[in-house]
Amino acid sequence: MDSVTTAEARKQLAELVNRVAYGKERVVLTRHGRELAAVVPLEDLRLLERLRSRLTRRQVQRALKEVQERGAVPWEALQEALDL
């Protein structure tokens, strides 16, 4: 994965966008030697969002299964336990 400073990215934005969009490259933007952000193809972002959505669904399914197996805790009991 290439690294580009934010100053270089500003100067060459059109080229950078083309590299990412058409060349399917991933580019890390840096400032003062620190990684700040990444420019990735849209397909990568969409895949990441789908994976995140699936993980969330799995977590919900696991939680519902646990409630079925162990039973639910009343909201009032939870509030009391957490001192809310």
PDB file of N, CA and C in Angstrom:
ATOM      1  N   MET A   1       0.848  -1.168   0.000  1.00  0.00           N
ATOM      2  CA  MET A   1       0.000   0.000   0.000  1.00  0.00           C
ATOM      3  C   MET A   1       0.893   1.230   0.000  1.00  0.00           C
ATOM      4  N   ASP A   2       0.606   2.137  -0.901  1.00  0.00           N
ATOM      5  CA  ASP A   2       1.379   3.372  -0.993  1.00  0.00           C
ATOM      6  C   ASP A   2       0.998   4.343   0.110  1.00  0.00           C
ATOM      7  N   SER A   3       1.929   5.220   0.405  1.00  0.00           N
ATOM      8  CA  SER A   3       1.726   6.275   1.380  1.00  0.00           C
ATOM      9  C   SER A   3       1.967   7.602   0.690  1.00  0.00           C
ATOM     10  N   VAL A   4       1.118   8.582   0.960  1.00  0.00           N
ATOM     11  CA  VAL A   4       1.243   9.902   0.350  1.00  0.00           C
ATOM     12  C   VAL A   4       0.964  10.934   1.429  1.00  0.00           C
ATOM     13  N   THR A   5       1.759  11.989   1.457  1.00  0.00           N
ATOM     14  CA  THR A   5       1.481  13.053   2.418  1.00  0.00           C
ATOM     15  C   THR A   5       0.223  13.803   1.981  1.00  0.00           C
ATOM     16  N   THR A   6      -0.408  14.460   2.931  1.00  0.00           N
ATOM     17  CA  THR A   6      -1.614  15.214   2.580  1.00  0.00           C
ATOM     18  C   THR A   6      -1.275  16.352   1.617  1.00  0.00           C
ATOM     19  N   ALA A   7      -0.085  16.926   1.742  1.00  0.00           N
ATOM     20  CA  ALA A   7       0.331  17.993   0.822  1.00  0.00           C
ATOM     21  C   ALA A   7       0.457  17.446  -0.596  1.00  0.00           C
ATOM     22  N   GLU A   8       1.078  16.269  -0.750  1.00  0.00           N
ATOM     23  CA  GLU A   8       1.198  15.646  -2.079  1.00  0.00           C
ATOM     24  C   GLU A   8      -0.182  15.291  -2.624  1.00  0.00           C
ATOM     25  N   ALA A   9      -1.045  14.776  -1.764  1.00  0.00           N
ATOM     26  CA  ALA A   9      -2.391  14.395  -2.195  1.00  0.00           C
ATOM     27  C   ALA A   9      -3.151  15.605  -2.717  1.00  0.00           C
ATOM     28  N   ARG A  10      -2.994  16.736  -2.046  1.00  0.00           N
ATOM     29  CA  ARG A  10      -3.661  17.962  -2.491  1.00  0.00           C
ATOM     30  C   ARG A  10      -3.203  18.359  -3.884  1.00  0.00           C
ATOM     31  N   LYS A  11      -1.895  18.279  -4.112  1.00  0.00           N
ATOM     32  CA  LYS A  11      -1.337  18.682  -5.398  1.00  0.00           C
ATOM     33  C   LYS A  11      -1.732  17.742  -6.528  1.00  0.00           C
ATOM     34  N   GLN A  12      -1.904  16.465  -6.194  1.00  0.00           N
ATOM     35  CA  GLN A  12      -2.138  15.449  -7.225  1.00  0.00           C
ATOM     36  C   GLN A  12      -3.459  14.719  -7.009  1.00  0.00           C
ATOM     37  N   LEU A  13      -4.476  15.429  -6.570  1.00  0.00           N
ATOM     38  CA  LEU A  13      -5.736  14.784  -6.216  1.00  0.00           C
ATOM     39  C   LEU A  13      -6.346  14.010  -7.382  1.00  0.00           C
ATOM     40  N   ALA A  14      -6.392  14.601  -8.571  1.00  0.00           N
ATOM     41  CA  ALA A  14      -6.997  13.922  -9.719  1.00  0.00           C
ATOM     42  C   ALA A  14      -6.264  12.615 -10.024  1.00  0.00           C
ATOM     43  N   GLU A  15      -4.940  12.644  -9.998  1.00  0.00           N
ATOM     44  CA  GLU A  15      -4.153  11.435 -10.253  1.00  0.00           C
ATOM     45  C   GLU A  15      -4.388  10.393  -9.163  1.00  0.00           C
ATOM     46  N   LEU A  16      -4.435  10.837  -7.918  1.00  0.00           N
ATOM     47  CA  LEU A  16      -4.660   9.940  -6.794  1.00  0.00           C
ATOM     48  C   LEU A  16      -6.026   9.251  -6.912  1.00  0.00           C
ATOM     49  N   VAL A  17      -7.038  10.031  -7.232  1.00  0.00           N
ATOM     50  CA  VAL A  17      -8.385   9.471  -7.397  1.00  0.00           C
ATOM     51  C   VAL A  17      -8.394   8.451  -8.526  1.00  0.00           C
ATOM     52  N   ASN A  18      -7.730   8.742  -9.621  1.00  0.00           N
ATOM     53  CA  ASN A  18      -7.675   7.792 -10.741  1.00  0.00           C
ATOM     54  C   ASN A  18      -6.960   6.505 -10.342  1.00  0.00           C
ATOM     55  N   ARG A  19      -5.854   6.625  -9.619  1.00  0.00           N
ATOM     56  CA  ARG A  19      -5.117   5.433  -9.172  1.00  0.00           C
ATOM     57  C   ARG A  19      -5.997   4.539  -8.315  1.00  0.00           C
ATOM     58  N   VAL A  20      -6.771   5.165  -7.446  1.00  0.00           N
ATOM     59  CA  VAL A  20      -7.624   4.398  -6.540  1.00  0.00           C
ATOM     60  C   VAL A  20      -8.844   3.853  -7.277  1.00  0.00           C
ATOM     61  N   ALA A  21      -9.510   4.697  -8.024  1.00  0.00           N
ATOM     62  CA  ALA A  21     -10.754   4.291  -8.688  1.00  0.00           C
ATOM     63  C   ALA A  21     -10.524   3.286  -9.812  1.00  0.00           C
ATOM     64  N   TYR A  22      -9.530   3.525 -10.639  1.00  0.00           N
ATOM     65  CA  TYR A  22      -9.338   2.668 -11.820  1.00  0.00           C
ATOM     66  C   TYR A  22      -8.236   1.632 -11.631  1.00  0.00           C
ATOM     67  N   GLY A  23      -7.236   1.975 -10.844  1.00  0.00           N
ATOM     68  CA  GLY A  23      -6.136   1.043 -10.609  1.00  0.00           C
ATOM     69  C   GLY A  23      -6.351   0.173  -9.390  1.00  0.00           C
ATOM     70  N   LYS A  24      -7.444   0.442  -8.662  1.00  0.00           N
ATOM     71  CA  LYS A  24      -7.806  -0.320  -7.457  1.00  0.00           C
ATOM     72  C   LYS A  24      -6.708  -0.290  -6.393  1.00  0.00           C
ATOM     73  N   GLU A  25      -5.937   0.801  -6.365  1.00  0.00           N
ATOM     74  CA  GLU A  25      -4.898   0.956  -5.347  1.00  0.00           C
ATOM     75  C   GLU A  25      -5.527   1.452  -4.057  1.00  0.00           C
ATOM     76  N   ARG A  26      -4.830   1.227  -2.978  1.00  0.00           N
ATOM     77  CA  ARG A  26      -5.213   1.773  -1.674  1.00  0.00           C
ATOM     78  C   ARG A  26      -4.069   2.692  -1.253  1.00  0.00           C
ATOM     79  N   VAL A  27      -4.397   3.887  -0.826  1.00  0.00           N
ATOM     80  CA  VAL A  27      -3.371   4.872  -0.495  1.00  0.00           C
ATOM     81  C   VAL A  27      -3.615   5.410   0.915  1.00  0.00           C
ATOM     82  N   VAL A  28      -2.559   5.395   1.713  1.00  0.00           N
ATOM     83  CA  VAL A  28      -2.633   5.937   3.071  1.00  0.00           C
ATOM     84  C   VAL A  28      -2.149   7.378   3.030  1.00  0.00           C
ATOM     85  N   LEU A  29      -2.914   8.273   3.628  1.00  0.00           N
ATOM     86  CA  LEU A  29      -2.538   9.684   3.707  1.00  0.00           C
ATOM     87  C   LEU A  29      -1.840   9.922   5.038  1.00  0.00           C
ATOM     88  N   THR A  30      -0.713  10.605   4.963  1.00  0.00           N
ATOM     89  CA  THR A  30       0.063  10.878   6.169  1.00  0.00           C
ATOM     90  C   THR A  30       0.257  12.380   6.351  1.00  0.00           C
ATOM     91  N   ARG A  31       0.499  12.755   7.601  1.00  0.00           N
ATOM     92  CA  ARG A  31       0.850  14.143   7.912  1.00  0.00           C
ATOM     93  C   ARG A  31       1.881  14.089   9.028  1.00  0.00           C
ATOM     94  N   HIS A  32       3.001  14.738   8.797  1.00  0.00           N
ATOM     95  CA  HIS A  32       4.108  14.734   9.768  1.00  0.00           C
ATOM     96  C   HIS A  32       4.515  13.304  10.142  1.00  0.00           C
ATOM     97  N   GLY A  33       4.477  12.411   9.143  1.00  0.00           N
ATOM     98  CA  GLY A  33       4.903  11.032   9.359  1.00  0.00           C
ATOM     99  C   GLY A  33       3.879  10.127  10.022  1.00  0.00           C
ATOM    100  N   ARG A  34       2.721  10.664  10.353  1.00  0.00           N
ATOM    101  CA  ARG A  34       1.676   9.861  11.005  1.00  0.00           C
ATOM    102  C   ARG A  34       0.570   9.524  10.023  1.00  0.00           C
ATOM    103  N   GLU A  35       0.111   8.282  10.050  1.00  0.00           N
ATOM    104  CA  GLU A  35      -0.995   7.868   9.182  1.00  0.00           C
ATOM    105  C   GLU A  35      -2.290   8.486   9.685  1.00  0.00           C
ATOM    106  N   LEU A  36      -3.031   9.128   8.749  1.00  0.00           N
ATOM    107  CA  LEU A  36      -4.269   9.824   9.116  1.00  0.00           C
ATOM    108  C   LEU A  36      -5.524   9.148   8.588  1.00  0.00           C
ATOM    109  N   ALA A  37      -5.453   8.761   7.329  1.00  0.00           N
ATOM    110  CA  ALA A  37      -6.645   8.260   6.658  1.00  0.00           C
ATOM    111  C   ALA A  37      -6.205   7.414   5.473  1.00  0.00           C
ATOM    112  N   ALA A  38      -7.184   6.801   4.838  1.00  0.00           N
ATOM    113  CA  ALA A  38      -6.885   6.012   3.651  1.00  0.00           C
ATOM    114  C   ALA A  38      -7.876   6.358   2.558  1.00  0.00           C
ATOM    115  N   VAL A  39      -7.404   6.304   1.332  1.00  0.00           N
ATOM    116  CA  VAL A  39      -8.263   6.456   0.166  1.00  0.00           C
ATOM    117  C   VAL A  39      -8.328   5.068  -0.452  1.00  0.00           C
ATOM    118  N   VAL A  40      -9.543   4.547  -0.533  1.00  0.00           N
ATOM    119  CA  VAL A  40      -9.719   3.174  -1.019  1.00  0.00           C
ATOM    120  C   VAL A  40     -10.774   3.151  -2.117  1.00  0.00           C
ATOM    121  N   PRO A  41     -10.727   2.121  -2.961  1.00  0.00           N
ATOM    122  CA  PRO A  41     -11.769   1.994  -3.975  1.00  0.00           C
ATOM    123  C   PRO A  41     -13.148   1.866  -3.320  1.00  0.00           C
ATOM    124  N   LEU A  42     -14.142   2.354  -3.990  1.00  0.00           N
ATOM    125  CA  LEU A  42     -15.507   2.312  -3.470  1.00  0.00           C
ATOM    126  C   LEU A  42     -15.947   0.883  -3.176  1.00  0.00           C
ATOM    127  N   GLU A  43     -15.507  -0.066  -3.991  1.00  0.00           N
ATOM    128  CA  GLU A  43     -15.868  -1.471  -3.775  1.00  0.00           C
ATOM    129  C   GLU A  43     -15.358  -1.954  -2.410  1.00  0.00           C
ATOM    130  N   ASP A  44     -14.155  -1.522  -2.027  1.00  0.00           N
ATOM    131  CA  ASP A  44     -13.602  -1.904  -0.726  1.00  0.00           C
ATOM    132  C   ASP A  44     -14.464  -1.361   0.408  1.00  0.00           C
ATOM    133  N   LEU A  45     -14.876  -0.117   0.278  1.00  0.00           N
ATOM    134  CA  LEU A  45     -15.704   0.502   1.300  1.00  0.00           C
ATOM    135  C   LEU A  45     -17.038  -0.219   1.423  1.00  0.00           C
ATOM    136  N   ARG A  46     -17.651  -0.530   0.297  1.00  0.00           N
ATOM    137  CA  ARG A  46     -18.941  -1.233   0.320  1.00  0.00           C
ATOM    138  C   ARG A  46     -18.798  -2.618   0.948  1.00  0.00           C
ATOM    139  N   LEU A  47     -17.712  -3.318   0.640  1.00  0.00           N
ATOM    140  CA  LEU A  47     -17.470  -4.628   1.234  1.00  0.00           C
ATOM    141  C   LEU A  47     -17.321  -4.500   2.742  1.00  0.00           C
ATOM    142  N   LEU A  48     -16.576  -3.512   3.178  1.00  0.00           N
ATOM    143  CA  LEU A  48     -16.387  -3.279   4.605  1.00  0.00           C
ATOM    144  C   LEU A  48     -17.721  -3.020   5.296  1.00  0.00           C
ATOM    145  N   GLU A  49     -18.568  -2.216   4.687  1.00  0.00           N
ATOM    146  CA  GLU A  49     -19.881  -1.922   5.255  1.00  0.00           C
ATOM    147  C   GLU A  49     -20.742  -3.184   5.338  1.00  0.00           C
ATOM    148  N   ARG A  50     -20.691  -4.019   4.305  1.00  0.00           N
ATOM    149  CA  ARG A  50     -21.456  -5.278   4.336  1.00  0.00           C
ATOM    150  C   ARG A  50     -20.954  -6.185   5.448  1.00  0.00           C
ATOM    151  N   LEU A  51     -19.638  -6.284   5.601  1.00  0.00           N
ATOM    152  CA  LEU A  51     -19.074  -7.115   6.659  1.00  0.00           C
ATOM    153  C   LEU A  51     -19.479  -6.597   8.031  1.00  0.00           C
ATOM    154  N   ARG A  52     -19.425  -5.290   8.192  1.00  0.00           N
ATOM    155  CA  ARG A  52     -19.805  -4.688   9.471  1.00  0.00           C
ATOM    156  C   ARG A  52     -21.276  -4.965   9.775  1.00  0.00           C
ATOM    157  N   SER A  53     -22.117  -4.881   8.760  1.00  0.00           N
ATOM    158  CA  SER A  53     -23.539  -5.144   8.922  1.00  0.00           C
ATOM    159  C   SER A  53     -23.772  -6.601   9.317  1.00  0.00           C
ATOM    160  N   ARG A  54     -23.039  -7.524   8.700  1.00  0.00           N
ATOM    161  CA  ARG A  54     -23.187  -8.943   9.027  1.00  0.00           C
ATOM    162  C   ARG A  54     -22.740  -9.226  10.449  1.00  0.00           C
ATOM    163  N   LEU A  55     -21.640  -8.604  10.859  1.00  0.00           N
ATOM    164  CA  LEU A  55     -21.169  -8.793  12.224  1.00  0.00           C
ATOM    165  C   LEU A  55     -22.213  -8.306  13.214  1.00  0.00           C
ATOM    166  N   THR A  56     -22.811  -7.178  12.924  1.00  0.00           N
ATOM    167  CA  THR A  56     -23.831  -6.627  13.804  1.00  0.00           C
ATOM    168  C   THR A  56     -25.011  -7.583  13.898  1.00  0.00           C
ATOM    169  N   ARG A  57     -25.441  -8.137  12.759  1.00  0.00           N
ATOM    170  CA  ARG A  57     -26.544  -9.091  12.770  1.00  0.00           C
ATOM    171  C   ARG A  57     -26.188 -10.323  13.584  1.00  0.00           C
ATOM    172  N   ARG A  58     -24.961 -10.805  13.426  1.00  0.00           N
ATOM    173  CA  ARG A  58     -24.521 -11.971  14.196  1.00  0.00           C
ATOM    174  C   ARG A  58     -24.543 -11.679  15.693  1.00  0.00           C
ATOM    175  N   GLN A  59     -24.106 -10.483  16.054  1.00  0.00           N
ATOM    176  CA  GLN A  59     -24.096 -10.112  17.467  1.00  0.00           C
ATOM    177  C   GLN A  59     -25.517 -10.063  18.025  1.00  0.00           C
ATOM    178  N   VAL A  60     -26.444  -9.536  17.247  1.00  0.00           N
ATOM    179  CA  VAL A  60     -27.839  -9.481  17.680  1.00  0.00           C
ATOM    180  C   VAL A  60     -28.396 -10.890  17.816  1.00  0.00           C
ATOM    181  N   GLN A  61     -28.110 -11.739  16.834  1.00  0.00           N
ATOM    182  CA  GLN A  61     -28.594 -13.118  16.905  1.00  0.00           C
ATOM    183  C   GLN A  61     -28.039 -13.833  18.130  1.00  0.00           C
ATOM    184  N   ARG A  62     -26.750 -13.632  18.417  1.00  0.00           N
ATOM    185  CA  ARG A  62     -26.136 -14.239  19.601  1.00  0.00           C
ATOM    186  C   ARG A  62     -26.802 -13.741  20.884  1.00  0.00           C
ATOM    187  N   ALA A  63     -27.066 -12.456  20.931  1.00  0.00           N
ATOM    188  CA  ALA A  63     -27.694 -11.876  22.119  1.00  0.00           C
ATOM    189  C   ALA A  63     -29.099 -12.425  22.309  1.00  0.00           C
ATOM    190  N   LEU A  64     -29.858 -12.541  21.222  1.00  0.00           N
ATOM    191  CA  LEU A  64     -31.216 -13.089  21.333  1.00  0.00           C
ATOM    192  C   LEU A  64     -31.187 -14.542  21.789  1.00  0.00           C
ATOM    193  N   LYS A  65     -30.225 -15.304  21.281  1.00  0.00           N
ATOM    194  CA  LYS A  65     -30.088 -16.702  21.692  1.00  0.00           C
ATOM    195  C   LYS A  65     -29.767 -16.777  23.187  1.00  0.00           C
ATOM    196  N   GLU A  66     -28.889 -15.893  23.631  1.00  0.00           N
ATOM    197  CA  GLU A  66     -28.530 -15.868  25.047  1.00  0.00           C
ATOM    198  C   GLU A  66     -29.733 -15.520  25.918  1.00  0.00           C
ATOM    199  N   VAL A  67     -30.562 -14.593  25.478  1.00  0.00           N
ATOM    200  CA  VAL A  67     -31.771 -14.231  26.225  1.00  0.00           C
ATOM    201  C   VAL A  67     -32.705 -15.434  26.307  1.00  0.00           C
ATOM    202  N   GLN A  68     -32.836 -16.164  25.199  1.00  0.00           N
ATOM    203  CA  GLN A  68     -33.690 -17.356  25.206  1.00  0.00           C
ATOM    204  C   GLN A  68     -33.153 -18.419  26.162  1.00  0.00           C
ATOM    205  N   GLU A  69     -31.848 -18.590  26.181  1.00  0.00           N
ATOM    206  CA  GLU A  69     -31.243 -19.621  27.020  1.00  0.00           C
ATOM    207  C   GLU A  69     -31.208 -19.234  28.498  1.00  0.00           C
ATOM    208  N   ARG A  70     -30.859 -17.994  28.769  1.00  0.00           N
ATOM    209  CA  ARG A  70     -30.659 -17.567  30.156  1.00  0.00           C
ATOM    210  C   ARG A  70     -31.823 -16.768  30.723  1.00  0.00           C
ATOM    211  N   GLY A  71     -32.671 -16.261  29.851  1.00  0.00           N
ATOM    212  CA  GLY A  71     -33.736 -15.373  30.305  1.00  0.00           C
ATOM    213  C   GLY A  71     -33.253 -13.929  30.278  1.00  0.00           C
ATOM    214  N   ALA A  72     -34.194 -13.034  30.362  1.00  0.00           N
ATOM    215  CA  ALA A  72     -33.869 -11.612  30.284  1.00  0.00           C
ATOM    216  C   ALA A  72     -33.785 -11.010  31.680  1.00  0.00           C
ATOM    217  N   VAL A  73     -33.041  -9.934  31.783  1.00  0.00           N
ATOM    218  CA  VAL A  73     -32.937  -9.187  33.035  1.00  0.00           C
ATOM    219  C   VAL A  73     -33.877  -7.992  32.916  1.00  0.00           C
ATOM    220  N   PRO A  74     -34.761  -7.806  33.882  1.00  0.00           N
ATOM    221  CA  PRO A  74     -35.657  -6.641  33.817  1.00  0.00           C
ATOM    222  C   PRO A  74     -34.857  -5.333  33.789  1.00  0.00           C
ATOM    223  N   TRP A  75     -35.370  -4.357  33.052  1.00  0.00           N
ATOM    224  CA  TRP A  75     -34.697  -3.070  32.905  1.00  0.00           C
ATOM    225  C   TRP A  75     -34.423  -2.428  34.260  1.00  0.00           C
ATOM    226  N   GLU A  76     -35.369  -2.515  35.161  1.00  0.00           N
ATOM    227  CA  GLU A  76     -35.210  -1.903  36.482  1.00  0.00           C
ATOM    228  C   GLU A  76     -34.038  -2.532  37.233  1.00  0.00           C
ATOM    229  N   ALA A  77     -33.874  -3.849  37.118  1.00  0.00           N
ATOM    230  CA  ALA A  77     -32.763  -4.542  37.785  1.00  0.00           C
ATOM    231  C   ALA A  77     -31.435  -4.101  37.187  1.00  0.00           C
ATOM    232  N   LEU A  78     -31.410  -3.932  35.881  1.00  0.00           N
ATOM    233  CA  LEU A  78     -30.187  -3.485  35.213  1.00  0.00           C
ATOM    234  C   LEU A  78     -29.829  -2.071  35.644  1.00  0.00           C
ATOM    235  N   GLN A  79     -30.825  -1.203  35.701  1.00  0.00           N
ATOM    236  CA  GLN A  79     -30.596   0.174  36.152  1.00  0.00           C
ATOM    237  C   GLN A  79     -30.010   0.184  37.562  1.00  0.00           C
ATOM    238  N   GLU A  80     -30.585  -0.638  38.419  1.00  0.00           N
ATOM    239  CA  GLU A  80     -30.107  -0.702  39.804  1.00  0.00           C
ATOM    240  C   GLU A  80     -28.678  -1.240  39.865  1.00  0.00           C
ATOM    241  N   ALA A  81     -28.412  -2.286  39.090  1.00  0.00           N
ATOM    242  CA  ALA A  81     -27.071  -2.892  39.095  1.00  0.00           C
ATOM    243  C   ALA A  81     -26.019  -1.917  38.581  1.00  0.00           C
ATOM    244  N   LEU A  82     -26.402  -1.084  37.623  1.00  0.00           N
ATOM    245  CA  LEU A  82     -25.460  -0.129  37.030  1.00  0.00           C
ATOM    246  C   LEU A  82     -25.519   1.234  37.721  1.00  0.00           C
ATOM    247  N   ASP A  83     -26.353   1.342  38.719  1.00  0.00           N
ATOM    248  CA  ASP A  83     -26.508   2.582  39.472  1.00  0.00           C
ATOM    249  C   ASP A  83     -26.892   3.742  38.551  1.00  0.00           C
ATOM    250  N   LEU A  84     -27.906   3.497  37.750  1.00  0.00           N
ATOM    251  CA  LEU A  84     -28.389   4.535  36.808  1.00  0.00           C
ATOM    252  C   LEU A  84     -29.570   5.276  37.372  1.00  0.00           C
TER     253      LEU A  84
END
